[in-house]
Amino acid sequence: MIVKKFLIILLIIFCHNTNAESKHIKNLEASYIFYYKNTQAGTMTLKIQTENSKIRISTLYDGNFLAELANRGYREETAYVEIKENTIYPLKYIYKDTNESYEAIFKNNTVEIIGDKKIKKVINYNEIIYDPISLLLLLMRDYPNLDIKYNVLSKKNLKIYDYIFKKNVSIRIKELDYNGFSAEYRSGNKTNIIFFSKNHKNLMVSTRIMKKGKEKIRIELSKIKILN
């Protein structure tokens, strides 16, 4: 009888750990349509690759002349992170577009940025600093256990993203309904709104950038090739 109870406890623990592990995206390749002022302007590809505790996440924009107006004619961002005690720690961030490229190395609360001309810039802060791509991964992995404010390396400068989260949000894309949560923050005179689908392991399904109450940029999920 004792052995039977012990086996049941082990089974419960195993199932709990399995479910806890499976709720996070490990590997992903998803395609998105990019719109500039409500006109289709190109595509974006989001990829996540996981190997043990190391994760590589990237976004690649391939746009036309309209997308170039929003600096997304070509843009590639790649982040390398490590998971320690179920916490995301950025390691490296690489940014490339048609005008510039740079690499940021994260060590503790210090970020060293190396640009095209090998010019170094160092940012020190008393809290962890994320890049935009590692922060996107954090939002998808950690919701609802998220903070309101995050320190973010954006265009070589340190910014504070102050979020407003909304749960039980629904959005329709190409006659398909997605339910989940949204994260909203302001950057200058722009408002960024990101939607995540709870039925797709909190995958980002849409991003909207509003300026003066009007939609400037919209990115919508079009196809999921890999999701596990």
C-alpha atoms as a PDB file:
ATOM      1  CA  MET A   1       0.000   0.000   0.000  1.00  0.00           C
ATOM      2  CA  ILE A   2       2.842   2.387   0.905  1.00  0.00           C
ATOM      3  CA  VAL A   3       4.649   1.537  -2.331  1.00  0.00           C
ATOM      4  CA  LYS A   4       1.464   2.212  -4.312  1.00  0.00           C
ATOM      5  CA  LYS A   5       0.999   5.632  -2.685  1.00  0.00           C
ATOM      6  CA  PHE A   6       4.647   6.437  -3.351  1.00  0.00           C
ATOM      7  CA  LEU A   7       4.257   5.572  -7.034  1.00  0.00           C
ATOM      8  CA  ILE A   8       1.146   7.764  -7.283  1.00  0.00           C
ATOM      9  CA  ILE A   9       3.043  10.697  -5.755  1.00  0.00           C
ATOM     10  CA  LEU A  10       5.891  10.190  -8.208  1.00  0.00           C
ATOM     11  CA  LEU A  11       3.411  10.111 -11.096  1.00  0.00           C
ATOM     12  CA  ILE A  12       1.790  13.358  -9.953  1.00  0.00           C
ATOM     13  CA  ILE A  13       5.190  15.063  -9.669  1.00  0.00           C
ATOM     14  CA  PHE A  14       6.224  13.794 -13.086  1.00  0.00           C
ATOM     15  CA  CYS A  15       3.022  14.999 -14.737  1.00  0.00           C
ATOM     16  CA  HIS A  16       3.294  18.377 -13.049  1.00  0.00           C
ATOM     17  CA  ASN A  17       6.875  18.855 -14.236  1.00  0.00           C
ATOM     18  CA  THR A  18       5.970  17.715 -17.733  1.00  0.00           C
ATOM     19  CA  ASN A  19       3.099  20.181 -17.966  1.00  0.00           C
ATOM     20  CA  ALA A  20       5.226  22.967 -16.533  1.00  0.00           C
ATOM     21  CA  GLU A  21       7.902  22.280 -19.149  1.00  0.00           C
ATOM     22  CA  SER A  22       5.535  21.980 -22.078  1.00  0.00           C
ATOM     23  CA  LYS A  23       3.845  25.344 -21.512  1.00  0.00           C
ATOM     24  CA  HIS A  24       6.924  27.163 -22.821  1.00  0.00           C
ATOM     25  CA  ILE A  25       7.837  27.478 -26.469  1.00  0.00           C
ATOM     26  CA  LYS A  26      11.045  25.533 -27.127  1.00  0.00           C
ATOM     27  CA  ASN A  27      11.275  25.650 -30.905  1.00  0.00           C
ATOM     28  CA  LEU A  28       9.357  27.925 -33.225  1.00  0.00           C
ATOM     29  CA  GLU A  29       9.243  29.226 -36.755  1.00  0.00           C
ATOM     30  CA  ALA A  30       6.370  31.562 -37.556  1.00  0.00           C
ATOM     31  CA  SER A  31       5.657  33.950 -40.424  1.00  0.00           C
ATOM     32  CA  TYR A  32       3.950  37.330 -40.100  1.00  0.00           C
ATOM     33  CA  ILE A  33       2.585  39.937 -42.504  1.00  0.00           C
ATOM     34  CA  PHE A  34       3.888  43.447 -42.006  1.00  0.00           C
ATOM     35  CA  TYR A  35       1.587  46.431 -42.671  1.00  0.00           C
ATOM     36  CA  TYR A  36       2.546  50.088 -42.893  1.00  0.00           C
ATOM     37  CA  LYS A  37      -0.402  52.462 -42.506  1.00  0.00           C
ATOM     38  CA  ASN A  38      -2.775  49.567 -43.243  1.00  0.00           C
ATOM     39  CA  THR A  39      -0.998  48.629 -46.500  1.00  0.00           C
ATOM     40  CA  GLN A  40       0.875  45.339 -46.807  1.00  0.00           C
ATOM     41  CA  ALA A  41       4.581  46.142 -46.883  1.00  0.00           C
ATOM     42  CA  GLY A  42       6.442  42.873 -46.311  1.00  0.00           C
ATOM     43  CA  THR A  43       6.981  39.924 -44.002  1.00  0.00           C
ATOM     44  CA  MET A  44       8.555  39.110 -40.680  1.00  0.00           C
ATOM     45  CA  THR A  45       9.870  35.739 -39.520  1.00  0.00           C
ATOM     46  CA  LEU A  46      10.178  34.821 -35.842  1.00  0.00           C
ATOM     47  CA  LYS A  47      12.376  31.874 -34.840  1.00  0.00           C
ATOM     48  CA  ILE A  48      13.173  30.284 -31.490  1.00  0.00           C
ATOM     49  CA  GLN A  49      15.724  27.510 -31.037  1.00  0.00           C
ATOM     50  CA  THR A  50      16.329  25.885 -27.654  1.00  0.00           C
ATOM     51  CA  GLU A  51      19.208  23.664 -26.626  1.00  0.00           C
ATOM     52  CA  ASN A  52      19.226  22.712 -22.955  1.00  0.00           C
ATOM     53  CA  SER A  53      19.359  26.020 -21.040  1.00  0.00           C
ATOM     54  CA  LYS A  54      20.433  28.162 -24.020  1.00  0.00           C
ATOM     55  CA  ILE A  55      17.891  29.858 -26.318  1.00  0.00           C
ATOM     56  CA  ARG A  56      18.363  31.718 -29.597  1.00  0.00           C
ATOM     57  CA  ILE A  57      15.495  33.972 -30.705  1.00  0.00           C
ATOM     58  CA  SER A  58      15.470  36.089 -33.853  1.00  0.00           C
ATOM     59  CA  THR A  59      13.263  38.299 -36.028  1.00  0.00           C
ATOM     60  CA  LEU A  60      13.893  39.000 -39.703  1.00  0.00           C
ATOM     61  CA  TYR A  61      12.043  41.697 -41.675  1.00  0.00           C
ATOM     62  CA  ASP A  62      11.858  41.558 -45.462  1.00  0.00           C
ATOM     63  CA  GLY A  63       9.935  44.573 -46.684  1.00  0.00           C
ATOM     64  CA  ASN A  64       9.341  46.809 -49.678  1.00  0.00           C
ATOM     65  CA  PHE A  65       9.811  50.574 -50.029  1.00  0.00           C
ATOM     66  CA  LEU A  66       6.890  51.197 -47.653  1.00  0.00           C
ATOM     67  CA  ALA A  67       8.536  49.099 -44.967  1.00  0.00           C
ATOM     68  CA  GLU A  68      11.721  51.117 -45.429  1.00  0.00           C
ATOM     69  CA  LEU A  69       9.784  54.170 -44.251  1.00  0.00           C
ATOM     70  CA  ALA A  70       9.430  52.372 -40.906  1.00  0.00           C
ATOM     71  CA  ASN A  71      13.060  51.164 -40.949  1.00  0.00           C
ATOM     72  CA  ARG A  72      11.963  47.599 -41.630  1.00  0.00           C
ATOM     73  CA  GLY A  73      12.850  47.155 -45.276  1.00  0.00           C
ATOM     74  CA  TYR A  74      15.533  44.851 -43.925  1.00  0.00           C
ATOM     75  CA  ARG A  75      16.088  44.357 -40.236  1.00  0.00           C
ATOM     76  CA  GLU A  76      17.477  41.384 -38.389  1.00  0.00           C
ATOM     77  CA  GLU A  77      17.642  41.067 -34.614  1.00  0.00           C
ATOM     78  CA  THR A  78      19.069  38.052 -32.808  1.00  0.00           C
ATOM     79  CA  ALA A  79      19.263  37.430 -29.074  1.00  0.00           C
ATOM     80  CA  TYR A  80      21.079  34.698 -27.201  1.00  0.00           C
ATOM     81  CA  VAL A  81      19.868  34.027 -23.669  1.00  0.00           C
ATOM     82  CA  GLU A  82      20.431  31.547 -20.890  1.00  0.00           C
ATOM     83  CA  ILE A  83      17.863  30.176 -18.444  1.00  0.00           C
ATOM     84  CA  LYS A  84      19.095  29.985 -14.852  1.00  0.00           C
ATOM     85  CA  GLU A  85      16.713  29.000 -12.062  1.00  0.00           C
ATOM     86  CA  ASN A  86      13.841  29.621 -14.498  1.00  0.00           C
ATOM     87  CA  THR A  87      15.007  33.200 -15.102  1.00  0.00           C
ATOM     88  CA  ILE A  88      16.046  34.628 -18.483  1.00  0.00           C
ATOM     89  CA  TYR A  89      19.511  36.191 -18.629  1.00  0.00           C
ATOM     90  CA  PRO A  90      20.524  37.919 -21.885  1.00  0.00           C
ATOM     91  CA  LEU A  91      23.982  36.990 -23.184  1.00  0.00           C
ATOM     92  CA  LYS A  92      24.309  38.629 -26.597  1.00  0.00           C
ATOM     93  CA  TYR A  93      22.189  40.750 -28.946  1.00  0.00           C
ATOM     94  CA  ILE A  94      22.942  41.427 -32.620  1.00  0.00           C
ATOM     95  CA  TYR A  95      21.219  44.165 -34.627  1.00  0.00           C
ATOM     96  CA  LYS A  96      21.479  44.698 -38.403  1.00  0.00           C
ATOM     97  CA  ASP A  97      19.641  46.876 -40.900  1.00  0.00           C
ATOM     98  CA  THR A  98      20.519  48.624 -44.144  1.00  0.00           C
ATOM     99  CA  ASN A  99      22.187  51.516 -42.311  1.00  0.00           C
ATOM    100  CA  GLU A 100      23.982  50.050 -39.309  1.00  0.00           C
ATOM    101  CA  SER A 101      24.863  46.995 -37.294  1.00  0.00           C
ATOM    102  CA  TYR A 102      26.064  46.471 -33.759  1.00  0.00           C
ATOM    103  CA  GLU A 103      26.522  43.782 -31.147  1.00  0.00           C
ATOM    104  CA  ALA A 104      25.751  44.003 -27.441  1.00  0.00           C
ATOM    105  CA  ILE A 105      27.341  41.740 -24.836  1.00  0.00           C
ATOM    106  CA  PHE A 106      25.542  41.384 -21.497  1.00  0.00           C
ATOM    107  CA  LYS A 107      27.494  40.683 -18.312  1.00  0.00           C
ATOM    108  CA  ASN A 108      25.625  40.952 -15.037  1.00  0.00           C
ATOM    109  CA  ASN A 109      24.148  44.489 -15.121  1.00  0.00           C
ATOM    110  CA  THR A 110      26.619  45.800 -17.695  1.00  0.00           C
ATOM    111  CA  VAL A 111      26.123  45.998 -21.456  1.00  0.00           C
ATOM    112  CA  GLU A 112      29.051  46.505 -23.822  1.00  0.00           C
ATOM    113  CA  ILE A 113      28.003  47.692 -27.291  1.00  0.00           C
ATOM    114  CA  ILE A 114      30.321  47.366 -30.284  1.00  0.00           C
ATOM    115  CA  GLY A 115      29.312  49.183 -33.483  1.00  0.00           C
ATOM    116  CA  ASP A 116      30.411  49.101 -37.109  1.00  0.00           C
ATOM    117  CA  LYS A 117      33.550  51.090 -36.463  1.00  0.00           C
ATOM    118  CA  LYS A 118      34.480  48.993 -33.417  1.00  0.00           C
ATOM    119  CA  ILE A 119      33.486  51.901 -31.196  1.00  0.00           C
ATOM    120  CA  LYS A 120      32.531  50.649 -27.739  1.00  0.00           C
ATOM    121  CA  LYS A 121      29.803  51.975 -25.517  1.00  0.00           C
ATOM    122  CA  VAL A 122      29.252  50.636 -22.014  1.00  0.00           C
ATOM    123  CA  ILE A 123      25.994  50.901 -20.069  1.00  0.00           C
ATOM    124  CA  ASN A 124      25.928  50.135 -16.349  1.00  0.00           C
ATOM    125  CA  TYR A 125      22.759  49.766 -14.338  1.00  0.00           C
ATOM    126  CA  ASN A 126      21.780  48.372 -10.968  1.00  0.00           C
ATOM    127  CA  GLU A 127      19.193  45.977 -12.451  1.00  0.00           C
ATOM    128  CA  ILE A 128      19.093  43.433 -15.260  1.00  0.00           C
ATOM    129  CA  ILE A 129      18.954  44.886 -18.785  1.00  0.00           C
ATOM    130  CA  TYR A 130      17.135  43.200 -21.672  1.00  0.00           C
ATOM    131  CA  ASP A 131      17.196  43.744 -25.407  1.00  0.00           C
ATOM    132  CA  PRO A 132      13.850  43.954 -27.294  1.00  0.00           C
ATOM    133  CA  ILE A 133      14.020  40.341 -28.494  1.00  0.00           C
ATOM    134  CA  SER A 134      14.950  38.718 -25.183  1.00  0.00           C
ATOM    135  CA  LEU A 135      12.207  40.818 -23.565  1.00  0.00           C
ATOM    136  CA  LEU A 136       9.678  39.438 -26.072  1.00  0.00           C
ATOM    137  CA  LEU A 137      10.755  35.935 -25.075  1.00  0.00           C
ATOM    138  CA  LEU A 138      10.344  36.829 -21.406  1.00  0.00           C
ATOM    139  CA  LEU A 139       6.790  38.100 -21.993  1.00  0.00           C
ATOM    140  CA  MET A 140       5.840  34.853 -23.745  1.00  0.00           C
ATOM    141  CA  ARG A 141       7.462  32.618 -21.115  1.00  0.00           C
ATOM    142  CA  ASP A 142       6.703  34.329 -17.814  1.00  0.00           C
ATOM    143  CA  TYR A 143       3.151  35.685 -18.106  1.00  0.00           C
ATOM    144  CA  PRO A 144       1.347  36.281 -15.747  1.00  0.00           C
ATOM    145  CA  ASN A 145       4.372  36.458 -13.431  1.00  0.00           C
ATOM    146  CA  LEU A 146       5.721  39.666 -14.913  1.00  0.00           C
ATOM    147  CA  ASP A 147       6.911  43.004 -13.595  1.00  0.00           C
ATOM    148  CA  ILE A 148       5.442  46.278 -14.796  1.00  0.00           C
ATOM    149  CA  LYS A 149       8.747  47.969 -15.687  1.00  0.00           C
ATOM    150  CA  TYR A 150      11.750  46.600 -17.590  1.00  0.00           C
ATOM    151  CA  ASN A 151      15.119  48.083 -18.528  1.00  0.00           C
ATOM    152  CA  VAL A 152      15.660  47.677 -22.263  1.00  0.00           C
ATOM    153  CA  LEU A 153      18.545  48.309 -24.630  1.00  0.00           C
ATOM    154  CA  SER A 154      16.879  50.031 -27.590  1.00  0.00           C
ATOM    155  CA  LYS A 155      18.890  51.586 -30.438  1.00  0.00           C
ATOM    156  CA  LYS A 156      22.021  51.557 -28.268  1.00  0.00           C
ATOM    157  CA  ASN A 157      20.334  53.460 -25.449  1.00  0.00           C
ATOM    158  CA  LEU A 158      18.821  52.367 -22.167  1.00  0.00           C
ATOM    159  CA  LYS A 159      15.053  52.821 -21.993  1.00  0.00           C
ATOM    160  CA  ILE A 160      12.361  51.911 -19.477  1.00  0.00           C
ATOM    161  CA  TYR A 161       9.344  50.032 -20.800  1.00  0.00           C
ATOM    162  CA  ASP A 162       6.411  50.628 -18.473  1.00  0.00           C
ATOM    163  CA  TYR A 163       3.772  47.994 -19.302  1.00  0.00           C
ATOM    164  CA  ILE A 164       0.021  47.785 -18.967  1.00  0.00           C
ATOM    165  CA  PHE A 165      -1.158  44.165 -19.122  1.00  0.00           C
ATOM    166  CA  LYS A 166      -4.692  43.093 -20.002  1.00  0.00           C
ATOM    167  CA  LYS A 167      -5.957  39.541 -19.622  1.00  0.00           C
ATOM    168  CA  ASN A 168      -8.752  37.730 -21.473  1.00  0.00           C
ATOM    169  CA  VAL A 169      -8.137  39.698 -24.657  1.00  0.00           C
ATOM    170  CA  SER A 170      -9.486  38.488 -28.019  1.00  0.00           C
ATOM    171  CA  ILE A 171      -8.241  39.439 -31.481  1.00  0.00           C
ATOM    172  CA  ARG A 172      -9.289  38.346 -34.965  1.00  0.00           C
ATOM    173  CA  ILE A 173      -6.726  37.795 -37.747  1.00  0.00           C
ATOM    174  CA  LYS A 174      -7.876  36.599 -41.170  1.00  0.00           C
ATOM    175  CA  GLU A 175     -11.165  35.206 -39.788  1.00  0.00           C
ATOM    176  CA  LEU A 176      -9.350  33.358 -36.984  1.00  0.00           C
ATOM    177  CA  ASP A 177      -9.917  34.283 -33.340  1.00  0.00           C
ATOM    178  CA  TYR A 178      -7.075  34.308 -30.826  1.00  0.00           C
ATOM    179  CA  ASN A 179      -7.560  34.601 -27.065  1.00  0.00           C
ATOM    180  CA  GLY A 180      -4.932  35.500 -24.521  1.00  0.00           C
ATOM    181  CA  PHE A 181      -3.406  38.678 -23.098  1.00  0.00           C
ATOM    182  CA  SER A 182      -1.932  41.950 -24.294  1.00  0.00           C
ATOM    183  CA  ALA A 183       1.050  44.053 -23.228  1.00  0.00           C
ATOM    184  CA  GLU A 184       1.077  47.801 -23.913  1.00  0.00           C
ATOM    185  CA  TYR A 185       3.793  50.400 -23.422  1.00  0.00           C
ATOM    186  CA  ARG A 186       4.593  53.900 -24.646  1.00  0.00           C
ATOM    187  CA  SER A 187       7.843  54.929 -26.309  1.00  0.00           C
ATOM    188  CA  GLY A 188       8.014  58.640 -27.041  1.00  0.00           C
ATOM    189  CA  ASN A 189       4.840  59.584 -28.898  1.00  0.00           C
ATOM    190  CA  LYS A 190       4.119  55.992 -29.930  1.00  0.00           C
ATOM    191  CA  THR A 191       2.044  53.316 -28.205  1.00  0.00           C
ATOM    192  CA  ASN A 192       3.045  49.687 -28.717  1.00  0.00           C
ATOM    193  CA  ILE A 193       0.421  46.966 -28.214  1.00  0.00           C
ATOM    194  CA  ILE A 194       1.372  43.274 -28.375  1.00  0.00           C
ATOM    195  CA  PHE A 195      -1.146  40.400 -28.365  1.00  0.00           C
ATOM    196  CA  PHE A 196      -0.329  36.854 -27.228  1.00  0.00           C
ATOM    197  CA  SER A 197      -2.327  33.645 -27.779  1.00  0.00           C
ATOM    198  CA  LYS A 198      -2.779  31.367 -24.762  1.00  0.00           C
ATOM    199  CA  ASN A 199      -3.683  28.455 -27.080  1.00  0.00           C
ATOM    200  CA  HIS A 200      -0.272  28.735 -28.748  1.00  0.00           C
ATOM    201  CA  LYS A 201       1.920  28.753 -25.634  1.00  0.00           C
ATOM    202  CA  ASN A 202       1.607  32.557 -25.382  1.00  0.00           C
ATOM    203  CA  LEU A 203       2.978  33.094 -28.874  1.00  0.00           C
ATOM    204  CA  MET A 204       2.958  36.690 -30.069  1.00  0.00           C
ATOM    205  CA  VAL A 205       0.278  36.849 -32.777  1.00  0.00           C
ATOM    206  CA  SER A 206       0.041  40.592 -33.398  1.00  0.00           C
ATOM    207  CA  THR A 207       1.874  43.847 -32.757  1.00  0.00           C
ATOM    208  CA  ARG A 208       0.479  47.314 -33.354  1.00  0.00           C
ATOM    209  CA  ILE A 209       2.241  50.642 -33.145  1.00  0.00           C
ATOM    210  CA  MET A 210      -0.064  53.631 -32.762  1.00  0.00           C
ATOM    211  CA  LYS A 211       0.955  57.253 -33.291  1.00  0.00           C
ATOM    212  CA  LYS A 212      -1.389  60.089 -32.338  1.00  0.00           C
ATOM    213  CA  GLY A 213      -4.253  57.607 -32.127  1.00  0.00           C
ATOM    214  CA  LYS A 214      -3.669  56.227 -35.631  1.00  0.00           C
ATOM    215  CA  GLU A 215      -2.208  52.862 -36.537  1.00  0.00           C
ATOM    216  CA  LYS A 216       1.237  53.241 -38.105  1.00  0.00           C
ATOM    217  CA  ILE A 217       2.512  49.653 -38.060  1.00  0.00           C
ATOM    218  CA  ARG A 218       0.735  46.300 -37.738  1.00  0.00           C
ATOM    219  CA  ILE A 219       2.334  42.857 -37.711  1.00  0.00           C
ATOM    220  CA  GLU A 220       0.005  39.845 -37.870  1.00  0.00           C
ATOM    221  CA  LEU A 221       0.603  36.114 -37.697  1.00  0.00           C
ATOM    222  CA  SER A 222       0.099  34.384 -41.050  1.00  0.00           C
ATOM    223  CA  LYS A 223       1.588  30.901 -40.621  1.00  0.00           C
ATOM    224  CA  ILE A 224       3.099  28.686 -37.932  1.00  0.00           C
ATOM    225  CA  LYS A 225       5.628  26.228 -39.376  1.00  0.00           C
ATOM    226  CA  ILE A 226       7.018  24.829 -36.111  1.00  0.00           C
ATOM    227  CA  LEU A 227       5.654  25.141 -32.579  1.00  0.00           C
ATOM    228  CA  ASN A 228       6.734  22.810 -29.790  1.00  0.00           C
END
